[in-house]
Amino acid sequence: MDNPVLTHPRENDSVAAHLAETMARQRAELAAIIGRHCRADGPCETPIPGLALFRGSNTATPTCTVVPSVFAIMAQGAKRLQVGDDVYEYDARHYMISSVDLPMSSRITCASAAEPYLGFALMLDSRTLAELTASLPPDRGTLPVDRGIAIGELSADIQNAALRLARLLDAPQDIPVLAPIITKELLYRLLTGPLGARLRQAVIAGSHSQQIARAIDWLRSNLDQSASIDQLAELANMSRSSLHHHFKALTAMTPVQYQKQLRLQEARRLMLAEDHDAATAAHRVGYESASQFSREYRRQFGRPPASDVAELRRNGG
């Protein structure tokens, strides 16, 4: 029998140090790319399908939005996310994935004018995820329903693919051919990484996560209608108790809590972007009581509707 090859501890330390240095250089390069292509605070769309960049120069108040299925990293800074009662924190050494549309609040926790928060977010295409999942060895047994959001340690493979995708912003003539190839590689790395089960759950036909996603799609498309638990359970092909259990496992909220957050965020958008008054916005999203809307709005966003929208407009919305 051949003698096993033993690796000296110092060699392990050297390899780890080299990897850390390489990843630090890549983060610096990614920060430079984001800085060139996203010069103002806020989100910046890019010519690469599904890719957006973000800049933030201060630790502002939390923003509330519905985050779709997405992969996100940052080259600089740190951020805190809240979904339901769950809080997640991550920085440039970690990545975030969400496998389903989730109402959440987020706050940049580390940024300045000299060293702004610099982020990279790629929307996850469910069709490509499903095609890649079908090519992988099948999961054994039924996948449990995990939270639709997770934070993981950023690996060299994932960071490298993300950086190569970002580099195409400086070579726009290469985007039509190379962006789909690199995006597919990045999705493969996510699916086969430690958080990949969450993404596989969302695209496997008949999985509990996919059943819950159908209920979520109905809620998003029918904000002005009351959420009938029986109707949602029938749509998801689940019992009432199973729907409640799996819905909360995936979103950290009950269906009613989820719909409430959707309604409040859509009402905020209607007031800010379409200049509706509070009563009109409340009615548009299904509230019958203006006073109940105002109470729940203030609880969600910290200010009454009119003053909140005025503050958002002063700060550039």
C-alpha atoms as a PDB file:
ATOM      1  CA  MET A   1       0.000   0.000   0.000  1.00  0.00           C
ATOM      2  CA  ASP A   2       1.328   3.438  -0.856  1.00  0.00           C
ATOM      3  CA  ASN A   3       2.130   5.686   2.029  1.00  0.00           C
ATOM      4  CA  PRO A   4      -0.330   8.584   2.342  1.00  0.00           C
ATOM      5  CA  VAL A   5       1.028  12.017   1.425  1.00  0.00           C
ATOM      6  CA  LEU A   6       1.155  14.128   4.535  1.00  0.00           C
ATOM      7  CA  THR A   7       0.767  17.881   4.250  1.00  0.00           C
ATOM      8  CA  HIS A   8       2.797  19.943   6.685  1.00  0.00           C
ATOM      9  CA  PRO A   9       0.710  22.369   8.767  1.00  0.00           C
ATOM     10  CA  ARG A  10       2.832  25.263   7.465  1.00  0.00           C
ATOM     11  CA  GLU A  11       1.942  24.281   3.895  1.00  0.00           C
ATOM     12  CA  ASN A  12      -1.758  24.363   4.812  1.00  0.00           C
ATOM     13  CA  ASP A  13      -1.287  27.806   6.357  1.00  0.00           C
ATOM     14  CA  SER A  14       0.514  28.988   3.228  1.00  0.00           C
ATOM     15  CA  VAL A  15      -2.249  27.751   0.918  1.00  0.00           C
ATOM     16  CA  ALA A  16      -4.911  29.377   3.090  1.00  0.00           C
ATOM     17  CA  ALA A  17      -2.997  32.655   3.189  1.00  0.00           C
ATOM     18  CA  HIS A  18      -2.565  32.644  -0.588  1.00  0.00           C
ATOM     19  CA  LEU A  19      -6.285  32.001  -1.100  1.00  0.00           C
ATOM     20  CA  ALA A  20      -7.206  34.813   1.300  1.00  0.00           C
ATOM     21  CA  GLU A  21      -4.888  37.221  -0.540  1.00  0.00           C
ATOM     22  CA  THR A  22      -6.333  36.222  -3.912  1.00  0.00           C
ATOM     23  CA  MET A  23      -9.904  36.724  -2.720  1.00  0.00           C
ATOM     24  CA  ALA A  24      -8.987  40.104  -1.207  1.00  0.00           C
ATOM     25  CA  ARG A  25      -7.505  41.225  -4.546  1.00  0.00           C
ATOM     26  CA  GLN A  26     -10.633  40.051  -6.336  1.00  0.00           C
ATOM     27  CA  ARG A  27     -12.849  41.995  -3.927  1.00  0.00           C
ATOM     28  CA  ALA A  28     -10.776  45.116  -4.574  1.00  0.00           C
ATOM     29  CA  GLU A  29     -11.159  44.616  -8.337  1.00  0.00           C
ATOM     30  CA  LEU A  30     -14.909  44.073  -7.983  1.00  0.00           C
ATOM     31  CA  ALA A  31     -15.151  47.236  -5.855  1.00  0.00           C
ATOM     32  CA  ALA A  32     -13.376  49.204  -8.577  1.00  0.00           C
ATOM     33  CA  ILE A  33     -15.750  47.872 -11.252  1.00  0.00           C
ATOM     34  CA  ILE A  34     -18.848  48.690  -9.198  1.00  0.00           C
ATOM     35  CA  GLY A  35     -17.425  52.131  -8.393  1.00  0.00           C
ATOM     36  CA  ARG A  36     -16.932  52.916 -12.096  1.00  0.00           C
ATOM     37  CA  HIS A  37     -20.378  51.744 -13.164  1.00  0.00           C
ATOM     38  CA  CYS A  38     -22.439  52.914 -10.176  1.00  0.00           C
ATOM     39  CA  ARG A  39     -21.350  56.472  -9.322  1.00  0.00           C
ATOM     40  CA  ALA A  40     -24.412  57.656  -7.396  1.00  0.00           C
ATOM     41  CA  ASP A  41     -26.028  56.226  -4.290  1.00  0.00           C
ATOM     42  CA  GLY A  42     -28.788  53.741  -4.970  1.00  0.00           C
ATOM     43  CA  PRO A  43     -29.293  50.930  -7.479  1.00  0.00           C
ATOM     44  CA  CYS A  44     -27.828  50.957 -10.998  1.00  0.00           C
ATOM     45  CA  GLU A  45     -29.141  48.735 -13.762  1.00  0.00           C
ATOM     46  CA  THR A  46     -26.537  47.177 -16.053  1.00  0.00           C
ATOM     47  CA  PRO A  47     -26.514  45.837 -19.640  1.00  0.00           C
ATOM     48  CA  ILE A  48     -26.113  42.314 -18.222  1.00  0.00           C
ATOM     49  CA  PRO A  49     -29.559  40.711 -17.916  1.00  0.00           C
ATOM     50  CA  GLY A  50     -30.646  40.466 -14.286  1.00  0.00           C
ATOM     51  CA  LEU A  51     -27.566  42.192 -12.834  1.00  0.00           C
ATOM     52  CA  ALA A  52     -27.832  45.351 -10.742  1.00  0.00           C
ATOM     53  CA  LEU A  53     -25.158  47.238  -8.811  1.00  0.00           C
ATOM     54  CA  PHE A  54     -25.614  49.274  -5.645  1.00  0.00           C
ATOM     55  CA  ARG A  55     -23.793  52.099  -3.886  1.00  0.00           C
ATOM     56  CA  GLY A  56     -24.456  53.575  -0.460  1.00  0.00           C
ATOM     57  CA  SER A  57     -22.371  56.307   1.164  1.00  0.00           C
ATOM     58  CA  ASN A  58     -23.967  56.298   4.608  1.00  0.00           C
ATOM     59  CA  THR A  59     -25.715  54.095   7.110  1.00  0.00           C
ATOM     60  CA  ALA A  60     -29.181  55.415   6.346  1.00  0.00           C
ATOM     61  CA  THR A  61     -32.471  54.374   7.851  1.00  0.00           C
ATOM     62  CA  PRO A  62     -33.807  50.955   6.849  1.00  0.00           C
ATOM     63  CA  THR A  63     -35.464  50.511   3.471  1.00  0.00           C
ATOM     64  CA  CYS A  64     -38.381  48.138   3.031  1.00  0.00           C
ATOM     65  CA  THR A  65     -38.950  46.244  -0.184  1.00  0.00           C
ATOM     66  CA  VAL A  66     -39.967  42.901  -1.632  1.00  0.00           C
ATOM     67  CA  VAL A  67     -36.780  41.093  -2.594  1.00  0.00           C
ATOM     68  CA  PRO A  68     -37.183  38.553  -5.417  1.00  0.00           C
ATOM     69  CA  SER A  69     -35.154  35.400  -5.874  1.00  0.00           C
ATOM     70  CA  VAL A  70     -31.638  36.813  -5.943  1.00  0.00           C
ATOM     71  CA  PHE A  71     -27.929  36.227  -5.306  1.00  0.00           C
ATOM     72  CA  ALA A  72     -26.157  39.170  -3.674  1.00  0.00           C
ATOM     73  CA  ILE A  73     -22.643  39.969  -2.567  1.00  0.00           C
ATOM     74  CA  MET A  74     -20.819  43.149  -1.677  1.00  0.00           C
ATOM     75  CA  ALA A  75     -17.298  44.205  -2.481  1.00  0.00           C
ATOM     76  CA  GLN A  76     -17.235  46.705   0.371  1.00  0.00           C
ATOM     77  CA  GLY A  77     -19.337  47.452   3.436  1.00  0.00           C
ATOM     78  CA  ALA A  78     -21.844  45.486   5.491  1.00  0.00           C
ATOM     79  CA  LYS A  79     -25.617  45.144   5.699  1.00  0.00           C
ATOM     80  CA  ARG A  80     -28.346  43.961   8.073  1.00  0.00           C
ATOM     81  CA  LEU A  81     -31.529  42.338   6.761  1.00  0.00           C
ATOM     82  CA  GLN A  82     -34.740  41.527   8.610  1.00  0.00           C
ATOM     83  CA  VAL A  83     -37.368  39.057   7.390  1.00  0.00           C
ATOM     84  CA  GLY A  84     -40.225  38.657   9.840  1.00  0.00           C
ATOM     85  CA  ASP A  85     -38.503  38.456  13.225  1.00  0.00           C
ATOM     86  CA  ASP A  86     -35.315  36.947  11.765  1.00  0.00           C
ATOM     87  CA  VAL A  87     -32.218  39.159  11.436  1.00  0.00           C
ATOM     88  CA  TYR A  88     -29.313  38.445   9.072  1.00  0.00           C
ATOM     89  CA  GLU A  89     -25.993  40.256   8.888  1.00  0.00           C
ATOM     90  CA  TYR A  90     -23.373  39.888   6.199  1.00  0.00           C
ATOM     91  CA  ASP A  91     -20.300  41.568   4.769  1.00  0.00           C
ATOM     92  CA  ALA A  92     -17.883  41.227   1.858  1.00  0.00           C
ATOM     93  CA  ARG A  93     -16.830  37.727   2.940  1.00  0.00           C
ATOM     94  CA  HIS A  94     -20.366  36.372   2.709  1.00  0.00           C
ATOM     95  CA  TYR A  95     -23.158  36.065   0.180  1.00  0.00           C
ATOM     96  CA  MET A  96     -26.923  36.111   0.388  1.00  0.00           C
ATOM     97  CA  ILE A  97     -29.467  34.108  -1.559  1.00  0.00           C
ATOM     98  CA  SER A  98     -33.242  34.256  -1.544  1.00  0.00           C
ATOM     99  CA  SER A  99     -35.263  31.537  -3.217  1.00  0.00           C
ATOM    100  CA  VAL A 100     -38.675  33.222  -3.124  1.00  0.00           C
ATOM    101  CA  ASP A 101     -40.103  36.753  -3.078  1.00  0.00           C
ATOM    102  CA  LEU A 102     -39.685  38.044   0.480  1.00  0.00           C
ATOM    103  CA  PRO A 103     -40.790  41.333   2.070  1.00  0.00           C
ATOM    104  CA  MET A 104     -37.827  42.528   4.088  1.00  0.00           C
ATOM    105  CA  SER A 105     -36.183  45.586   5.584  1.00  0.00           C
ATOM    106  CA  SER A 106     -32.504  46.241   5.004  1.00  0.00           C
ATOM    107  CA  ARG A 107     -29.986  48.673   6.408  1.00  0.00           C
ATOM    108  CA  ILE A 108     -26.408  49.376   5.409  1.00  0.00           C
ATOM    109  CA  THR A 109     -24.356  49.107   8.605  1.00  0.00           C
ATOM    110  CA  CYS A 110     -20.875  49.967   7.325  1.00  0.00           C
ATOM    111  CA  ALA A 111     -20.337  52.732   4.752  1.00  0.00           C
ATOM    112  CA  SER A 112     -18.907  56.209   4.327  1.00  0.00           C
ATOM    113  CA  ALA A 113     -18.290  58.670   1.512  1.00  0.00           C
ATOM    114  CA  ALA A 114     -14.656  57.550   1.391  1.00  0.00           C
ATOM    115  CA  GLU A 115     -15.487  53.827   1.523  1.00  0.00           C
ATOM    116  CA  PRO A 116     -19.071  53.354   0.321  1.00  0.00           C
ATOM    117  CA  TYR A 117     -21.095  50.195   0.429  1.00  0.00           C
ATOM    118  CA  LEU A 118     -20.705  48.557  -3.003  1.00  0.00           C
ATOM    119  CA  GLY A 119     -23.078  45.720  -3.878  1.00  0.00           C
ATOM    120  CA  PHE A 120     -23.752  43.252  -6.688  1.00  0.00           C
ATOM    121  CA  ALA A 121     -27.133  41.529  -7.109  1.00  0.00           C
ATOM    122  CA  LEU A 122     -28.100  38.960  -9.743  1.00  0.00           C
ATOM    123  CA  MET A 123     -31.736  37.992 -10.177  1.00  0.00           C
ATOM    124  CA  LEU A 124     -32.074  34.206 -10.252  1.00  0.00           C
ATOM    125  CA  ASP A 125     -33.835  32.809 -13.297  1.00  0.00           C
ATOM    126  CA  SER A 126     -36.052  29.910 -12.229  1.00  0.00           C
ATOM    127  CA  ARG A 127     -35.986  28.240 -15.646  1.00  0.00           C
ATOM    128  CA  THR A 128     -32.180  28.089 -15.716  1.00  0.00           C
ATOM    129  CA  LEU A 129     -32.119  26.889 -12.101  1.00  0.00           C
ATOM    130  CA  ALA A 130     -34.582  24.126 -12.983  1.00  0.00           C
ATOM    131  CA  GLU A 131     -32.544  23.043 -16.017  1.00  0.00           C
ATOM    132  CA  LEU A 132     -29.338  22.904 -13.986  1.00  0.00           C
ATOM    133  CA  THR A 133     -31.039  21.104 -11.098  1.00  0.00           C
ATOM    134  CA  ALA A 134     -32.318  18.445 -13.505  1.00  0.00           C
ATOM    135  CA  SER A 135     -28.724  17.762 -14.583  1.00  0.00           C
ATOM    136  CA  LEU A 136     -27.512  17.215 -11.010  1.00  0.00           C
ATOM    137  CA  PRO A 137     -27.715  13.930  -9.085  1.00  0.00           C
ATOM    138  CA  PRO A 138     -31.197  13.767  -7.515  1.00  0.00           C
ATOM    139  CA  ASP A 139     -31.575  14.698  -3.864  1.00  0.00           C
ATOM    140  CA  ARG A 140     -32.325  11.729  -1.648  1.00  0.00           C
ATOM    141  CA  GLY A 141     -35.731  11.871  -0.039  1.00  0.00           C
ATOM    142  CA  THR A 142     -37.889  14.967   0.286  1.00  0.00           C
ATOM    143  CA  LEU A 143     -36.042  18.207   0.845  1.00  0.00           C
ATOM    144  CA  PRO A 144     -37.211  19.997   3.998  1.00  0.00           C
ATOM    145  CA  VAL A 145     -38.581  23.505   3.624  1.00  0.00           C
ATOM    146  CA  ASP A 146     -35.869  25.898   4.754  1.00  0.00           C
ATOM    147  CA  ARG A 147     -36.013  29.671   5.066  1.00  0.00           C
ATOM    148  CA  GLY A 148     -36.225  31.326   1.683  1.00  0.00           C
ATOM    149  CA  ILE A 149     -33.215  33.459   2.628  1.00  0.00           C
ATOM    150  CA  ALA A 150     -29.769  32.438   3.847  1.00  0.00           C
ATOM    151  CA  ILE A 151     -26.284  33.858   4.341  1.00  0.00           C
ATOM    152  CA  GLY A 152     -23.227  31.764   3.511  1.00  0.00           C
ATOM    153  CA  GLU A 153     -19.465  32.126   3.499  1.00  0.00           C
ATOM    154  CA  LEU A 154     -18.295  33.260   0.081  1.00  0.00           C
ATOM    155  CA  SER A 155     -16.221  30.603  -1.679  1.00  0.00           C
ATOM    156  CA  ALA A 156     -13.459  31.247  -4.209  1.00  0.00           C
ATOM    157  CA  ASP A 157     -15.494  29.586  -6.982  1.00  0.00           C
ATOM    158  CA  ILE A 158     -18.575  31.750  -6.406  1.00  0.00           C
ATOM    159  CA  GLN A 159     -16.609  34.989  -6.028  1.00  0.00           C
ATOM    160  CA  ASN A 160     -14.516  34.240  -9.114  1.00  0.00           C
ATOM    161  CA  ALA A 161     -17.589  33.653 -11.294  1.00  0.00           C
ATOM    162  CA  ALA A 162     -19.248  36.832  -9.997  1.00  0.00           C
ATOM    163  CA  LEU A 163     -16.112  38.859 -10.710  1.00  0.00           C
ATOM    164  CA  ARG A 164     -15.825  37.519 -14.261  1.00  0.00           C
ATOM    165  CA  LEU A 165     -19.443  38.456 -14.866  1.00  0.00           C
ATOM    166  CA  ALA A 166     -18.803  41.981 -13.553  1.00  0.00           C
ATOM    167  CA  ARG A 167     -15.716  42.347 -15.752  1.00  0.00           C
ATOM    168  CA  LEU A 168     -17.970  42.139 -18.798  1.00  0.00           C
ATOM    169  CA  LEU A 169     -19.268  45.610 -17.926  1.00  0.00           C
ATOM    170  CA  ASP A 170     -15.906  46.914 -19.179  1.00  0.00           C
ATOM    171  CA  ALA A 171     -16.215  44.811 -22.367  1.00  0.00           C
ATOM    172  CA  PRO A 172     -19.856  45.336 -23.429  1.00  0.00           C
ATOM    173  CA  GLN A 173     -19.252  43.729 -26.829  1.00  0.00           C
ATOM    174  CA  ASP A 174     -18.689  40.418 -25.016  1.00  0.00           C
ATOM    175  CA  ILE A 175     -21.905  40.526 -22.967  1.00  0.00           C
ATOM    176  CA  PRO A 176     -24.291  38.837 -25.455  1.00  0.00           C
ATOM    177  CA  VAL A 177     -22.074  35.746 -25.786  1.00  0.00           C
ATOM    178  CA  LEU A 178     -20.259  35.444 -22.464  1.00  0.00           C
ATOM    179  CA  ALA A 179     -22.798  36.739 -19.929  1.00  0.00           C
ATOM    180  CA  PRO A 180     -25.180  33.739 -20.324  1.00  0.00           C
ATOM    181  CA  ILE A 181     -22.255  31.303 -20.013  1.00  0.00           C
ATOM    182  CA  ILE A 182     -20.793  32.899 -16.876  1.00  0.00           C
ATOM    183  CA  THR A 183     -24.238  33.388 -15.333  1.00  0.00           C
ATOM    184  CA  LYS A 184     -24.979  29.700 -15.827  1.00  0.00           C
ATOM    185  CA  GLU A 185     -21.663  28.773 -14.191  1.00  0.00           C
ATOM    186  CA  LEU A 186     -22.443  31.049 -11.245  1.00  0.00           C
ATOM    187  CA  LEU A 187     -25.870  29.470 -10.777  1.00  0.00           C
ATOM    188  CA  TYR A 188     -24.268  26.025 -10.923  1.00  0.00           C
ATOM    189  CA  ARG A 189     -21.827  27.048  -8.166  1.00  0.00           C
ATOM    190  CA  LEU A 190     -24.731  28.274  -6.040  1.00  0.00           C
ATOM    191  CA  LEU A 191     -26.793  25.119  -6.600  1.00  0.00           C
ATOM    192  CA  THR A 192     -23.888  22.849  -5.657  1.00  0.00           C
ATOM    193  CA  GLY A 193     -22.752  25.022  -2.743  1.00  0.00           C
ATOM    194  CA  PRO A 194     -23.787  24.706   0.905  1.00  0.00           C
ATOM    195  CA  LEU A 195     -26.941  26.805   0.397  1.00  0.00           C
ATOM    196  CA  GLY A 196     -27.950  25.127  -2.846  1.00  0.00           C
ATOM    197  CA  ALA A 197     -30.723  22.998  -1.361  1.00  0.00           C
ATOM    198  CA  ARG A 198     -32.834  26.125  -0.865  1.00  0.00           C
ATOM    199  CA  LEU A 199     -32.633  26.932  -4.554  1.00  0.00           C
ATOM    200  CA  ARG A 200     -33.257  23.332  -5.589  1.00  0.00           C
ATOM    201  CA  GLN A 201     -36.347  23.214  -3.353  1.00  0.00           C
ATOM    202  CA  ALA A 202     -37.809  26.176  -5.201  1.00  0.00           C
ATOM    203  CA  VAL A 203     -37.604  24.631  -8.680  1.00  0.00           C
ATOM    204  CA  ILE A 204     -38.291  20.922  -8.127  1.00  0.00           C
ATOM    205  CA  ALA A 205     -41.795  20.142  -9.340  1.00  0.00           C
ATOM    206  CA  GLY A 206     -44.108  19.145  -6.499  1.00  0.00           C
ATOM    207  CA  SER A 207     -41.779  20.266  -3.707  1.00  0.00           C
ATOM    208  CA  HIS A 208     -43.340  21.994  -0.709  1.00  0.00           C
ATOM    209  CA  SER A 209     -41.377  25.155  -1.521  1.00  0.00           C
ATOM    210  CA  GLN A 210     -42.803  25.247  -5.036  1.00  0.00           C
ATOM    211  CA  GLN A 211     -46.312  24.671  -3.670  1.00  0.00           C
ATOM    212  CA  ILE A 212     -45.906  27.592  -1.275  1.00  0.00           C
ATOM    213  CA  ALA A 213     -44.536  29.710  -4.126  1.00  0.00           C
ATOM    214  CA  ARG A 214     -47.883  29.284  -5.895  1.00  0.00           C
ATOM    215  CA  ALA A 215     -49.660  30.713  -2.863  1.00  0.00           C
ATOM    216  CA  ILE A 216     -47.163  33.582  -2.759  1.00  0.00           C
ATOM    217  CA  ASP A 217     -47.763  34.362  -6.438  1.00  0.00           C
ATOM    218  CA  TRP A 218     -51.513  34.575  -5.750  1.00  0.00           C
ATOM    219  CA  LEU A 219     -50.982  36.925  -2.813  1.00  0.00           C
ATOM    220  CA  ARG A 220     -48.751  39.204  -4.875  1.00  0.00           C
ATOM    221  CA  SER A 221     -51.242  39.281  -7.756  1.00  0.00           C
ATOM    222  CA  ASN A 222     -54.313  39.878  -5.569  1.00  0.00           C
ATOM    223  CA  LEU A 223     -53.297  42.478  -3.004  1.00  0.00           C
ATOM    224  CA  ASP A 224     -56.760  43.992  -2.843  1.00  0.00           C
ATOM    225  CA  GLN A 225     -58.442  40.687  -1.973  1.00  0.00           C
ATOM    226  CA  SER A 226     -58.673  39.084   1.440  1.00  0.00           C
ATOM    227  CA  ALA A 227     -56.392  36.103   1.882  1.00  0.00           C
ATOM    228  CA  SER A 228     -58.593  33.025   2.214  1.00  0.00           C
ATOM    229  CA  ILE A 229     -56.554  30.319   3.919  1.00  0.00           C
ATOM    230  CA  ASP A 230     -58.798  27.658   2.390  1.00  0.00           C
ATOM    231  CA  GLN A 231     -58.237  29.117  -1.077  1.00  0.00           C
ATOM    232  CA  LEU A 232     -54.466  29.328  -0.582  1.00  0.00           C
ATOM    233  CA  ALA A 233     -54.355  25.768   0.761  1.00  0.00           C
ATOM    234  CA  GLU A 234     -56.302  24.516  -2.253  1.00  0.00           C
ATOM    235  CA  LEU A 235     -54.015  26.441  -4.606  1.00  0.00           C
ATOM    236  CA  ALA A 236     -50.941  24.950  -2.924  1.00  0.00           C
ATOM    237  CA  ASN A 237     -52.537  21.489  -2.783  1.00  0.00           C
ATOM    238  CA  MET A 238     -51.998  21.347   0.973  1.00  0.00           C
ATOM    239  CA  SER A 239     -54.062  21.099   4.113  1.00  0.00           C
ATOM    240  CA  ARG A 240     -54.593  24.293   6.105  1.00  0.00           C
ATOM    241  CA  SER A 241     -52.175  23.168   8.819  1.00  0.00           C
ATOM    242  CA  SER A 242     -49.526  22.117   6.289  1.00  0.00           C
ATOM    243  CA  LEU A 243     -49.851  25.456   4.472  1.00  0.00           C
ATOM    244  CA  HIS A 244     -49.339  27.415   7.693  1.00  0.00           C
ATOM    245  CA  HIS A 245     -46.379  25.296   8.736  1.00  0.00           C
ATOM    246  CA  HIS A 246     -44.523  25.375   5.415  1.00  0.00           C
ATOM    247  CA  PHE A 247     -45.408  28.989   4.601  1.00  0.00           C
ATOM    248  CA  LYS A 248     -43.904  30.188   7.859  1.00  0.00           C
ATOM    249  CA  ALA A 249     -40.903  27.892   7.474  1.00  0.00           C
ATOM    250  CA  LEU A 250     -40.176  29.465   4.087  1.00  0.00           C
ATOM    251  CA  THR A 251     -41.008  33.132   4.743  1.00  0.00           C
ATOM    252  CA  ALA A 252     -40.815  33.556   8.551  1.00  0.00           C
ATOM    253  CA  MET A 253     -44.398  34.899   8.329  1.00  0.00           C
ATOM    254  CA  THR A 254     -47.939  33.621   8.213  1.00  0.00           C
ATOM    255  CA  PRO A 255     -49.842  34.198   4.944  1.00  0.00           C
ATOM    256  CA  VAL A 256     -51.773  37.063   6.576  1.00  0.00           C
ATOM    257  CA  GLN A 257     -48.575  38.733   7.852  1.00  0.00           C
ATOM    258  CA  TYR A 258     -46.976  38.288   4.445  1.00  0.00           C
ATOM    259  CA  GLN A 259     -49.931  39.883   2.656  1.00  0.00           C
ATOM    260  CA  LYS A 260     -49.964  42.790   5.130  1.00  0.00           C
ATOM    261  CA  GLN A 261     -46.330  43.620   4.357  1.00  0.00           C
ATOM    262  CA  LEU A 262     -46.994  43.390   0.617  1.00  0.00           C
ATOM    263  CA  ARG A 263     -49.969  45.743   0.940  1.00  0.00           C
ATOM    264  CA  LEU A 264     -48.104  48.329   2.995  1.00  0.00           C
ATOM    265  CA  GLN A 265     -45.126  48.368   0.650  1.00  0.00           C
ATOM    266  CA  GLU A 266     -47.334  48.687  -2.434  1.00  0.00           C
ATOM    267  CA  ALA A 267     -49.304  51.500  -0.788  1.00  0.00           C
ATOM    268  CA  ARG A 268     -46.030  53.294  -0.060  1.00  0.00           C
ATOM    269  CA  ARG A 269     -45.010  52.921  -3.699  1.00  0.00           C
ATOM    270  CA  LEU A 270     -48.383  54.257  -4.908  1.00  0.00           C
ATOM    271  CA  MET A 271     -48.049  57.355  -2.727  1.00  0.00           C
ATOM    272  CA  LEU A 272     -44.435  57.965  -3.677  1.00  0.00           C
ATOM    273  CA  ALA A 273     -44.400  57.106  -7.390  1.00  0.00           C
ATOM    274  CA  GLU A 274     -48.006  57.757  -8.441  1.00  0.00           C
ATOM    275  CA  ASP A 275     -48.839  60.591  -6.022  1.00  0.00           C
ATOM    276  CA  HIS A 276     -51.872  58.902  -4.463  1.00  0.00           C
ATOM    277  CA  ASP A 277     -53.077  60.178  -1.114  1.00  0.00           C
ATOM    278  CA  ALA A 278     -53.108  57.775   1.828  1.00  0.00           C
ATOM    279  CA  ALA A 279     -56.826  56.986   1.615  1.00  0.00           C
ATOM    280  CA  THR A 280     -56.662  56.148  -2.102  1.00  0.00           C
ATOM    281  CA  ALA A 281     -53.529  54.029  -1.691  1.00  0.00           C
ATOM    282  CA  ALA A 282     -55.081  52.177   1.244  1.00  0.00           C
ATOM    283  CA  HIS A 283     -58.199  51.396  -0.764  1.00  0.00           C
ATOM    284  CA  ARG A 284     -56.157  50.270  -3.775  1.00  0.00           C
ATOM    285  CA  VAL A 285     -54.363  47.610  -1.736  1.00  0.00           C
ATOM    286  CA  GLY A 286     -57.465  46.294   0.008  1.00  0.00           C
ATOM    287  CA  TYR A 287     -57.788  48.262   3.264  1.00  0.00           C
ATOM    288  CA  GLU A 288     -61.365  49.116   4.200  1.00  0.00           C
ATOM    289  CA  SER A 289     -60.374  51.201   7.231  1.00  0.00           C
ATOM    290  CA  ALA A 290     -58.125  54.247   6.697  1.00  0.00           C
ATOM    291  CA  SER A 291     -57.353  54.413  10.422  1.00  0.00           C
ATOM    292  CA  GLN A 292     -56.263  50.759  10.493  1.00  0.00           C
ATOM    293  CA  PHE A 293     -54.070  51.420   7.451  1.00  0.00           C
ATOM    294  CA  SER A 294     -52.464  54.414   9.130  1.00  0.00           C
ATOM    295  CA  ARG A 295     -51.773  52.462  12.335  1.00  0.00           C
ATOM    296  CA  GLU A 296     -50.229  49.517  10.513  1.00  0.00           C
ATOM    297  CA  TYR A 297     -48.268  51.795   8.190  1.00  0.00           C
ATOM    298  CA  ARG A 298     -46.750  53.683  11.107  1.00  0.00           C
ATOM    299  CA  ARG A 299     -45.900  50.421  12.853  1.00  0.00           C
ATOM    300  CA  GLN A 300     -44.158  49.176   9.690  1.00  0.00           C
ATOM    301  CA  PHE A 301     -42.300  52.301   8.568  1.00  0.00           C
ATOM    302  CA  GLY A 302     -41.988  54.338  11.763  1.00  0.00           C
ATOM    303  CA  ARG A 303     -43.966  57.389  10.581  1.00  0.00           C
ATOM    304  CA  PRO A 304     -47.527  58.171   9.442  1.00  0.00           C
ATOM    305  CA  PRO A 305     -48.043  57.837   5.672  1.00  0.00           C
ATOM    306  CA  ALA A 306     -47.936  61.530   4.715  1.00  0.00           C
ATOM    307  CA  SER A 307     -44.813  62.397   6.730  1.00  0.00           C
ATOM    308  CA  ASP A 308     -43.057  59.205   5.649  1.00  0.00           C
ATOM    309  CA  VAL A 309     -43.593  59.928   1.962  1.00  0.00           C
ATOM    310  CA  ALA A 310     -42.534  63.566   2.425  1.00  0.00           C
ATOM    311  CA  GLU A 311     -39.308  62.409   4.103  1.00  0.00           C
ATOM    312  CA  LEU A 312     -38.638  59.915   1.328  1.00  0.00           C
ATOM    313  CA  ARG A 313     -39.047  62.662  -1.280  1.00  0.00           C
ATOM    314  CA  ARG A 314     -36.680  64.986   0.615  1.00  0.00           C
ATOM    315  CA  ASN A 315     -34.086  62.215   0.637  1.00  0.00           C
ATOM    316  CA  GLY A 316     -34.500  61.364  -3.024  1.00  0.00           C
ATOM    317  CA  GLY A 317     -37.053  58.570  -2.514  1.00  0.00           C
END
